[in-house]
Amino acid sequence: MRIKQEKIAIIAFIIILFIVVCAPYLWRVALGNTSIAGQQYYIAKGMANEVSKNGMTTFSEYPFSLYILIIGYFDQKQSMLFFMALGIAASALLYLFVRTHKFRPTHSIFIATAWVISYSFASLVYTDGITLFVCVLLLIALLLIRHKKLILAGIFLLLIAATSPVLLFASVMIVLMYASWHMKSARKIVMMCIAPVAVALMSWLIGGQFTRTIMLTIPQTQFFQELGSIGGIPLVVFCLGLGGGLSFWNKKYKYAYILFTIMLVATIFIPSWLPFVAVILTIISAASFLFLANKVWHSQLVYRAFIISFLAGLAMASIFGLQSISNEPPTYVEQDSLFELAKLAPGITLSHANYGSLISVLGKHESFIDELDGPIVGESADDIFRSIRLTNVTDLLSENEIRYIYITQEMRSGLVWNHTDQELLFLLRNNVTFSKVYSDDFAEIYSVNVSYEQLS
């Protein structure tokens, strides 16, 4: 009977996993949008393109990341399949990790399923590939620690250090939390963490990588999903996870509680740690749910209300989360305008920095400024946007060899300008200097009518 229940649970887990992993992308494709959701992929891909063009010397300007090297080998469809495979691997590894801790097979499957249907999992698969990649490496490291293969675990932590110093420190915090539960091996585990931390600190101190690799993570504007955060924690998971953690309080594991509290507070200053906190709270909340569901309840009404509220809370968070991811930019309208840009002759394109990586990856054009450029380039772009003299604009465009200008409705509505006839927008009416080559509800593309000889 128990074996039959386990098989049913595994089948249900696999079905739910494939729905969560595939549904948002299939929905975007059904709407005519084949692009990957979110901005992070395009930043990483843009950096990978620079590495491909200029070689490893690019990393003197951009932060080194193993993730960037991997993404550089894939096109957009292959990258999406890669993220889906990472999501499947992460959920399977979490199941295996939980299973090694004396949970029943069905309970282990339930805990893994709870993470899969939580919004934080889907947001990792679709909008935060680097954190998902680190999660897979971390789960492998934790499984190796569980089986006392500390040298191999240390190698995987080094791979995390080579991927993102920011996320390495979060990973080390989790490893130390786990070590506090296994005090006999705690000293060896701490020693194992020294080399990865040293690598991360060296990359930070020598190349400023700690700060710059933050650009490769998704900024979490809100802690809770219900407040609109990409990858935020569902309120039901937070309440039950925190309550369950406190109810399981044991002085013997005080260091784990202290480290988790530090990590929780640190998400205020390092929002990219939030997905890790979400995983921990999801595991605790699911374990707490199983513990409470198996207790004897004096009131069946309260018992059923508890069961329904938790499962409904997770399900609703997942449904709304998947819908939100499906509608994440770039939208199909934005994608179409960038595809039109890709059809034009090669040339440097000026737009706001927020669109730099999209112009590079989807628009197939070199962007004058992107999300990783410093204040000097930003000031040059701003000088063009703010200029009210046509001769000044022409000189700046010629000096910087800019051939196209990509203007979006967001730029017109406060991102750059507040009025439709303000500064560069007014000058773009000059049909001699500028030609509108494309226009839709999302964006306009202008060609700069300066000969190639003048630009060169």
Protein backbone atom coordinates (compact mmCIF):
# COMPACT_ATOMS: atom_id res chain seq x y z
CA MET A 1 0.00 0.00 0.00
CA ARG A 2 2.80 2.40 0.95
CA ILE A 3 4.70 1.60 -2.28
CA LYS A 4 1.56 2.36 -4.30
CA GLN A 5 1.14 5.70 -2.51
CA GLU A 6 4.79 6.54 -3.23
CA LYS A 7 4.35 5.79 -6.95
CA ILE A 8 1.22 7.96 -7.12
CA ALA A 9 3.05 10.77 -5.30
CA ILE A 10 6.02 10.56 -7.70
CA ILE A 11 3.73 10.65 -10.76
CA ALA A 12 1.84 13.64 -9.34
CA PHE A 13 5.15 15.40 -8.56
CA ILE A 14 6.44 14.86 -12.11
CA ILE A 15 3.19 16.14 -13.66
CA ILE A 16 3.17 19.26 -11.45
CA LEU A 17 6.88 19.85 -12.12
CA PHE A 18 6.46 19.77 -15.89
CA ILE A 19 3.39 22.02 -15.74
CA VAL A 20 5.25 24.65 -13.68
CA VAL A 21 8.41 24.39 -15.79
CA CYS A 22 6.72 24.49 -19.19
CA ALA A 23 3.45 26.44 -18.79
CA PRO A 24 4.77 30.05 -18.73
CA TYR A 25 6.97 29.56 -21.78
CA LEU A 26 4.20 27.79 -23.74
CA TRP A 27 1.80 30.60 -22.84
CA ARG A 28 4.28 33.22 -24.08
CA VAL A 29 4.77 31.26 -27.32
CA ALA A 30 0.98 31.02 -27.76
CA LEU A 31 0.89 34.84 -27.59
CA GLY A 32 3.56 35.03 -30.28
CA ASN A 33 6.38 35.81 -27.85
CA THR A 34 9.38 33.49 -28.07
CA SER A 35 11.65 35.64 -25.89
CA ILE A 36 12.89 34.65 -22.43
CA ALA A 37 11.17 36.53 -19.61
CA GLY A 38 12.99 39.10 -17.51
CA GLN A 39 16.12 41.16 -18.00
CA GLN A 40 18.83 39.06 -16.38
CA TYR A 41 19.29 36.62 -19.26
CA TYR A 42 19.86 39.47 -21.72
CA ILE A 43 22.44 41.13 -19.48
CA ALA A 44 24.34 37.85 -19.16
CA LYS A 45 23.99 37.05 -22.87
CA GLY A 46 25.17 40.52 -23.81
CA MET A 47 28.25 40.00 -21.64
CA ALA A 48 28.77 36.55 -23.19
CA ASN A 49 28.65 38.14 -26.67
CA GLU A 50 31.34 40.59 -25.61
CA VAL A 51 33.50 37.70 -24.39
CA SER A 52 32.97 35.91 -27.70
CA LYS A 53 33.95 39.04 -29.64
CA ASN A 54 36.83 40.34 -27.53
CA GLY A 55 38.06 37.23 -25.73
CA MET A 56 38.75 36.77 -22.02
CA THR A 57 40.13 40.33 -21.78
CA THR A 58 36.45 41.35 -21.57
CA PHE A 59 36.53 40.23 -17.94
CA SER A 60 38.83 43.16 -17.12
CA GLU A 61 35.73 45.29 -17.74
CA TYR A 62 32.91 42.90 -16.84
CA PRO A 63 32.73 40.53 -13.85
CA PHE A 64 33.94 37.00 -14.51
CA SER A 65 31.23 34.38 -14.14
CA LEU A 66 31.10 30.71 -15.07
CA TYR A 67 27.41 31.27 -15.82
CA ILE A 68 28.29 33.82 -18.52
CA LEU A 69 30.64 31.36 -20.23
CA ILE A 70 27.93 28.67 -20.25
CA ILE A 71 25.20 31.00 -21.56
CA GLY A 72 27.54 32.08 -24.34
CA TYR A 73 27.35 28.61 -25.90
CA PHE A 74 23.53 28.58 -26.19
CA ASP A 75 21.07 30.46 -28.36
CA GLN A 76 17.79 31.66 -26.85
CA LYS A 77 15.81 28.42 -27.28
CA GLN A 78 18.71 26.32 -26.02
CA SER A 79 19.08 28.64 -23.03
CA MET A 80 15.39 28.20 -22.16
CA LEU A 81 15.79 24.40 -22.33
CA PHE A 82 18.90 24.76 -20.15
CA PHE A 83 16.93 26.70 -17.51
CA MET A 84 14.12 24.13 -17.60
CA ALA A 85 16.66 21.32 -17.15
CA LEU A 86 18.20 23.19 -14.21
CA GLY A 87 14.74 23.55 -12.64
CA ILE A 88 14.04 19.83 -12.98
CA ALA A 89 17.51 19.00 -11.60
CA ALA A 90 17.08 21.37 -8.64
CA SER A 91 13.71 19.88 -7.64
CA ALA A 92 15.06 16.32 -7.95
CA LEU A 93 18.13 17.20 -5.89
CA LEU A 94 15.98 18.80 -3.19
CA TYR A 95 13.89 15.62 -3.02
CA LEU A 96 17.04 13.48 -2.71
CA PHE A 97 18.47 15.79 -0.04
CA VAL A 98 15.28 15.75 2.06
CA ARG A 99 14.97 11.99 1.58
CA THR A 100 18.36 11.46 3.27
CA HIS A 101 17.01 13.02 6.48
CA LYS A 102 14.65 10.27 7.63
CA PHE A 103 11.55 11.69 5.97
CA ARG A 104 9.13 9.22 4.49
CA PRO A 105 9.32 9.05 0.66
CA THR A 106 5.84 10.59 0.30
CA HIS A 107 6.75 13.36 2.76
CA SER A 108 9.97 14.07 0.86
CA ILE A 109 7.99 14.31 -2.36
CA PHE A 110 5.49 16.66 -0.70
CA ILE A 111 8.26 19.00 0.49
CA ALA A 112 9.84 19.07 -2.99
CA THR A 113 6.40 19.65 -4.54
CA ALA A 114 5.72 22.53 -2.14
CA TRP A 115 8.85 24.27 -3.44
CA VAL A 116 7.96 23.55 -7.07
CA ILE A 117 4.49 25.10 -6.80
CA SER A 118 5.76 28.07 -4.82
CA TYR A 119 6.27 31.19 -6.93
CA SER A 120 9.95 31.42 -5.99
CA PHE A 121 10.76 28.24 -7.94
CA ALA A 122 9.11 29.38 -11.19
CA SER A 123 10.73 32.81 -10.90
CA LEU A 124 14.15 31.14 -10.68
CA VAL A 125 13.51 29.03 -13.79
CA TYR A 126 12.24 31.94 -15.87
CA THR A 127 13.87 35.13 -14.60
CA ASP A 128 16.88 34.28 -12.42
CA GLY A 129 19.01 31.67 -14.16
CA ILE A 130 22.24 32.44 -12.31
CA THR A 131 20.61 31.85 -8.89
CA LEU A 132 18.99 28.65 -10.15
CA PHE A 133 22.39 27.49 -11.44
CA VAL A 134 23.92 28.23 -8.02
CA CYS A 135 21.03 26.40 -6.28
CA VAL A 136 21.81 23.26 -8.27
CA LEU A 137 25.52 23.47 -7.38
CA LEU A 138 24.66 24.13 -3.72
CA LEU A 139 22.25 21.20 -3.47
CA ILE A 140 24.90 18.90 -4.96
CA ALA A 141 27.40 20.24 -2.41
CA LEU A 142 24.94 19.63 0.46
CA LEU A 143 24.29 16.07 -0.72
CA LEU A 144 28.04 15.46 -0.85
CA ILE A 145 28.43 16.89 2.67
CA ARG A 146 25.63 14.62 3.83
CA HIS A 147 27.60 11.66 2.44
CA LYS A 148 30.86 13.03 3.95
CA LYS A 149 32.48 13.80 0.56
CA LEU A 150 33.82 17.14 1.75
CA ILE A 151 36.55 17.57 -0.89
CA LEU A 152 34.05 17.14 -3.72
CA ALA A 153 31.62 19.46 -1.92
CA GLY A 154 34.39 22.06 -1.68
CA ILE A 155 34.92 21.85 -5.44
CA PHE A 156 31.25 22.66 -6.06
CA LEU A 157 31.49 25.62 -3.68
CA LEU A 158 34.50 26.81 -5.71
CA LEU A 159 32.33 26.60 -8.83
CA ILE A 160 29.77 28.81 -7.06
CA ALA A 161 32.56 31.27 -6.19
CA ALA A 162 33.51 31.31 -9.89
CA THR A 163 29.86 32.00 -10.76
CA SER A 164 28.91 34.75 -8.32
CA PRO A 165 30.73 35.92 -5.16
CA VAL A 166 27.45 37.45 -3.95
CA LEU A 167 25.65 34.11 -4.07
CA LEU A 168 28.70 32.25 -2.75
CA PHE A 169 28.39 34.02 0.59
CA ALA A 170 24.69 33.05 0.76
CA SER A 171 25.65 29.45 -0.07
CA VAL A 172 28.31 29.39 2.64
CA MET A 173 25.76 30.69 5.17
CA ILE A 174 23.47 27.76 4.29
CA VAL A 175 26.36 25.27 4.49
CA LEU A 176 27.28 26.63 7.93
CA MET A 177 23.66 26.35 9.03
CA TYR A 178 23.71 22.74 7.97
CA ALA A 179 27.05 22.22 9.74
CA SER A 180 25.52 23.44 13.00
CA TRP A 181 23.12 20.47 12.80
CA HIS A 182 26.04 18.08 12.50
CA MET A 183 28.46 19.33 15.13
CA LYS A 184 30.76 16.30 14.78
CA SER A 185 31.74 17.41 11.26
CA ALA A 186 31.32 21.16 11.81
CA ARG A 187 35.04 21.97 12.00
CA LYS A 188 35.83 20.08 8.79
CA ILE A 189 32.91 21.76 6.99
CA VAL A 190 34.09 25.21 8.12
CA MET A 191 37.60 24.43 6.86
CA MET A 192 36.13 23.32 3.54
CA CYS A 193 34.50 26.75 3.12
CA ILE A 194 37.74 28.72 3.50
CA ALA A 195 39.04 28.26 -0.07
CA PRO A 196 35.77 29.26 -1.83
CA VAL A 197 35.39 32.31 0.42
CA ALA A 198 39.02 33.29 -0.27
CA VAL A 199 38.39 33.05 -4.04
CA ALA A 200 35.25 35.20 -3.74
CA LEU A 201 37.03 37.81 -1.61
CA MET A 202 39.97 37.97 -4.04
CA SER A 203 37.65 38.56 -6.99
CA TRP A 204 35.90 41.27 -4.99
CA LEU A 205 39.02 43.04 -3.76
CA ILE A 206 41.03 42.78 -6.99
CA GLY A 207 38.34 43.20 -9.62
CA GLY A 208 35.42 44.75 -7.75
CA GLN A 209 33.39 41.71 -8.72
CA PHE A 210 31.21 41.53 -5.60
CA THR A 211 29.40 44.73 -6.49
CA ARG A 212 29.30 44.22 -10.26
CA THR A 213 27.92 40.69 -10.22
CA ILE A 214 24.90 42.04 -8.35
CA MET A 215 23.79 43.20 -11.81
CA LEU A 216 23.41 39.54 -12.76
CA THR A 217 20.82 38.93 -10.06
CA ILE A 218 17.19 40.00 -9.96
CA PRO A 219 16.46 42.98 -7.66
CA GLN A 220 13.68 41.98 -5.26
CA THR A 221 11.67 45.14 -4.65
CA GLN A 222 9.38 43.51 -2.08
CA PHE A 223 9.87 40.66 0.39
CA PHE A 224 6.43 39.11 -0.15
CA GLN A 225 5.08 37.87 -3.46
CA GLU A 226 1.67 39.39 -2.72
CA LEU A 227 3.30 42.86 -2.79
CA GLY A 228 4.52 42.32 -6.35
CA SER A 229 8.02 40.93 -5.88
CA ILE A 230 9.57 38.74 -8.57
CA GLY A 231 10.69 35.70 -6.61
CA GLY A 232 9.17 36.96 -3.36
CA ILE A 233 7.96 34.63 -0.63
CA PRO A 234 4.23 33.74 -0.48
CA LEU A 235 2.76 35.00 2.80
CA VAL A 236 1.40 31.55 3.74
CA VAL A 237 4.89 30.05 3.37
CA PHE A 238 6.48 32.80 5.46
CA CYS A 239 3.95 32.54 8.31
CA LEU A 240 3.98 28.75 8.54
CA GLY A 241 7.73 28.54 7.96
CA LEU A 242 8.56 31.09 10.63
CA GLY A 243 6.00 29.65 13.05
CA GLY A 244 7.22 26.11 12.40
CA GLY A 245 10.85 27.11 12.85
CA LEU A 246 10.09 28.70 16.22
CA SER A 247 7.99 25.72 17.35
CA PHE A 248 10.89 23.38 16.54
CA TRP A 249 13.28 25.51 18.61
CA ASN A 250 16.10 23.53 20.14
CA LYS A 251 18.97 25.16 22.01
CA LYS A 252 21.25 22.54 20.51
CA TYR A 253 20.77 24.15 17.07
CA LYS A 254 20.97 27.78 18.17
CA TYR A 255 23.74 28.60 15.65
CA ALA A 256 21.50 27.54 12.77
CA TYR A 257 18.78 29.89 14.03
CA ILE A 258 21.28 32.74 14.46
CA LEU A 259 22.69 32.26 10.94
CA PHE A 260 19.22 32.12 9.41
CA THR A 261 18.18 35.28 11.25
CA ILE A 262 21.31 37.04 9.91
CA MET A 263 20.49 35.83 6.41
CA LEU A 264 16.87 36.95 6.72
CA VAL A 265 17.91 40.46 7.81
CA ALA A 266 20.64 40.56 5.13
CA THR A 267 18.01 40.25 2.37
CA ILE A 268 17.17 43.91 3.11
CA PHE A 269 20.64 44.89 1.90
CA ILE A 270 21.34 41.97 -0.47
CA PRO A 271 17.99 41.18 -2.13
CA SER A 272 19.57 38.49 -4.32
CA TRP A 273 19.70 36.25 -1.21
CA LEU A 274 15.90 36.17 -1.01
CA PRO A 275 15.45 33.04 -3.22
CA PHE A 276 17.64 31.07 -0.78
CA VAL A 277 15.57 32.26 2.18
CA ALA A 278 12.45 31.29 0.22
CA VAL A 279 13.73 27.72 -0.27
CA ILE A 280 14.54 27.33 3.43
CA LEU A 281 11.17 28.71 4.54
CA THR A 282 9.34 26.51 2.02
CA ILE A 283 11.05 23.38 3.37
CA ILE A 284 10.28 24.37 6.98
CA SER A 285 6.67 25.32 6.19
CA ALA A 286 6.05 22.05 4.32
CA ALA A 287 7.62 20.04 7.16
CA SER A 288 5.51 21.98 9.69
CA PHE A 289 2.39 21.32 7.63
CA LEU A 290 3.11 17.57 7.62
CA PHE A 291 3.75 17.61 11.37
CA LEU A 292 0.51 19.45 12.15
CA ALA A 293 -1.55 17.49 9.60
CA ASN A 294 -0.55 14.21 11.30
CA LYS A 295 -1.47 15.40 14.80
CA VAL A 296 -4.78 14.56 16.44
CA TRP A 297 -7.17 17.51 16.02
CA HIS A 298 -10.11 17.96 18.40
CA SER A 299 -12.04 19.88 15.75
CA GLN A 300 -12.33 18.46 12.24
CA LEU A 301 -13.58 21.84 11.02
CA VAL A 302 -10.39 23.60 12.14
CA TYR A 303 -8.30 20.75 10.76
CA ARG A 304 -9.91 21.00 7.33
CA ALA A 305 -9.66 24.80 7.36
CA PHE A 306 -5.92 24.52 8.11
CA ILE A 307 -5.35 21.98 5.30
CA ILE A 308 -7.35 23.97 2.74
CA SER A 309 -5.84 27.36 3.67
CA PHE A 310 -2.25 26.13 3.28
CA LEU A 311 -2.79 24.21 0.05
CA ALA A 312 -5.00 26.93 -1.43
CA GLY A 313 -2.47 29.59 -0.44
CA LEU A 314 0.32 27.74 -2.22
CA ALA A 315 -1.83 27.01 -5.27
CA MET A 316 -3.05 30.60 -5.65
CA ALA A 317 0.47 31.95 -5.22
CA SER A 318 1.64 29.58 -7.94
CA ILE A 319 -1.19 30.42 -10.37
CA PHE A 320 -0.80 34.18 -10.02
CA GLY A 321 2.98 33.82 -10.11
CA LEU A 322 2.95 31.81 -13.35
CA GLN A 323 0.59 34.35 -14.90
CA SER A 324 2.89 37.19 -13.83
CA ILE A 325 5.93 35.45 -15.33
CA SER A 326 4.07 34.81 -18.58
CA ASN A 327 3.47 38.57 -18.89
CA GLU A 328 7.01 39.61 -17.93
CA PRO A 329 8.84 41.82 -20.44
CA PRO A 330 10.02 41.67 -23.10
CA THR A 331 6.44 41.46 -24.37
CA TYR A 332 5.65 40.29 -27.88
CA VAL A 333 5.26 43.95 -28.98
CA GLU A 334 8.68 44.82 -27.56
CA GLN A 335 10.12 41.69 -29.17
CA ASP A 336 8.68 42.66 -32.58
CA SER A 337 10.23 46.13 -32.48
CA LEU A 338 13.63 44.65 -31.65
CA PHE A 339 13.28 42.10 -34.45
CA GLU A 340 12.66 45.03 -36.83
CA LEU A 341 15.83 46.67 -35.54
CA ALA A 342 17.71 43.46 -36.29
CA LYS A 343 16.68 43.76 -39.97
CA LEU A 344 18.45 47.12 -40.34
CA ALA A 345 22.05 47.55 -41.46
CA PRO A 346 24.61 47.19 -38.65
CA GLY A 347 25.28 50.27 -36.54
CA ILE A 348 25.46 51.57 -32.99
CA THR A 349 22.01 52.14 -31.46
CA LEU A 350 21.23 54.72 -28.78
CA SER A 351 18.51 54.07 -26.21
CA HIS A 352 18.11 54.06 -22.43
CA ALA A 353 20.52 51.78 -20.55
CA ASN A 354 17.59 49.53 -19.54
CA TYR A 355 17.25 48.43 -23.17
CA GLY A 356 20.96 47.99 -23.88
CA SER A 357 21.15 44.22 -23.49
CA LEU A 358 17.84 43.69 -25.32
CA ILE A 359 19.16 45.73 -28.26
CA SER A 360 22.34 43.65 -28.25
CA VAL A 361 20.68 40.21 -27.96
CA LEU A 362 17.30 40.55 -29.70
CA GLY A 363 18.04 43.59 -31.85
CA LYS A 364 21.41 42.23 -33.02
CA HIS A 365 22.91 45.73 -32.86
CA GLU A 366 25.67 47.21 -30.76
CA SER A 367 24.13 49.33 -28.01
CA PHE A 368 25.73 52.65 -27.15
CA ILE A 369 24.93 52.12 -23.46
CA ASP A 370 23.76 49.14 -21.41
CA GLU A 371 22.99 48.21 -17.80
CA LEU A 372 26.66 47.68 -16.85
CA ASP A 373 28.09 50.89 -18.28
CA GLY A 374 29.54 53.47 -15.92
CA PRO A 375 28.60 57.14 -15.38
CA ILE A 376 30.84 58.46 -18.18
CA VAL A 377 28.88 56.67 -20.91
CA GLY A 378 25.66 57.50 -19.09
CA GLU A 379 26.49 61.20 -19.14
CA SER A 380 27.26 61.05 -22.87
CA ALA A 381 23.86 59.46 -23.56
CA ASP A 382 22.15 62.00 -21.30
CA ASP A 383 23.85 64.88 -23.16
CA ILE A 384 22.22 63.66 -26.38
CA PHE A 385 18.82 63.11 -24.76
CA ARG A 386 18.83 66.54 -23.09
CA SER A 387 20.21 68.62 -25.91
CA ILE A 388 17.99 71.35 -27.40
CA ARG A 389 20.35 72.32 -30.26
CA LEU A 390 20.36 70.26 -33.45
CA THR A 391 24.02 71.03 -34.20
CA ASN A 392 25.08 69.77 -30.76
CA VAL A 393 23.11 66.55 -31.20
CA THR A 394 24.53 65.98 -34.68
CA ASP A 395 28.07 66.48 -33.41
CA LEU A 396 27.54 64.07 -30.51
CA LEU A 397 25.94 61.44 -32.74
CA SER A 398 28.80 61.72 -35.25
CA GLU A 399 31.44 61.65 -32.55
CA ASN A 400 29.99 58.46 -31.04
CA GLU A 401 29.19 56.87 -34.45
CA ILE A 402 25.52 56.40 -33.56
CA ARG A 403 23.34 55.27 -36.49
CA TYR A 404 20.01 54.51 -34.83
CA ILE A 405 17.91 55.85 -31.96
CA TYR A 406 15.47 53.48 -30.24
CA ILE A 407 12.73 55.34 -28.31
CA THR A 408 10.10 53.53 -26.21
CA GLN A 409 6.84 54.74 -24.70
CA GLU A 410 8.37 54.21 -21.26
CA MET A 411 11.18 56.61 -22.16
CA ARG A 412 8.61 59.19 -23.30
CA SER A 413 6.54 58.73 -20.13
CA GLY A 414 9.04 59.55 -17.39
CA LEU A 415 12.02 57.25 -17.82
CA VAL A 416 13.82 59.97 -19.81
CA TRP A 417 11.32 62.68 -20.76
CA ASN A 418 8.03 63.96 -19.37
CA HIS A 419 6.67 65.71 -22.48
CA THR A 420 6.30 64.57 -26.08
CA ASP A 421 8.06 67.65 -27.48
CA GLN A 422 10.90 67.80 -24.96
CA GLU A 423 14.59 68.10 -25.95
CA LEU A 424 15.68 65.29 -28.33
CA LEU A 425 12.04 64.31 -28.96
CA PHE A 426 11.45 67.75 -30.49
CA LEU A 427 14.62 67.56 -32.61
CA LEU A 428 13.61 64.13 -33.99
CA ARG A 429 10.93 65.95 -36.01
CA ASN A 430 13.69 67.19 -38.31
CA ASN A 431 13.20 64.93 -41.34
CA VAL A 432 16.52 65.93 -42.85
CA THR A 433 18.65 64.71 -39.95
CA PHE A 434 16.39 61.87 -38.76
CA SER A 435 14.19 59.34 -40.54
CA LYS A 436 11.57 57.27 -38.74
CA VAL A 437 12.14 53.72 -40.00
CA TYR A 438 9.77 51.88 -37.65
CA SER A 439 6.92 52.70 -35.30
CA ASP A 440 4.41 50.74 -33.22
CA ASP A 441 2.59 51.10 -29.90
CA PHE A 442 5.75 50.25 -27.97
CA ALA A 443 8.71 51.84 -29.73
CA GLU A 444 9.99 54.03 -32.56
CA ILE A 445 13.27 53.60 -34.41
CA TYR A 446 14.99 56.56 -36.04
CA SER A 447 17.85 56.41 -38.50
CA VAL A 448 20.50 59.12 -38.20
CA ASN A 449 21.02 60.62 -41.65
CA VAL A 450 24.76 61.07 -41.48
CA SER A 451 26.96 59.39 -44.08
CA TYR A 452 29.21 56.52 -43.04
CA GLU A 453 32.23 58.61 -44.02
CA GLN A 454 31.21 61.30 -41.54
CA LEU A 455 30.69 58.71 -38.81
CA SER A 456 34.05 57.11 -39.48
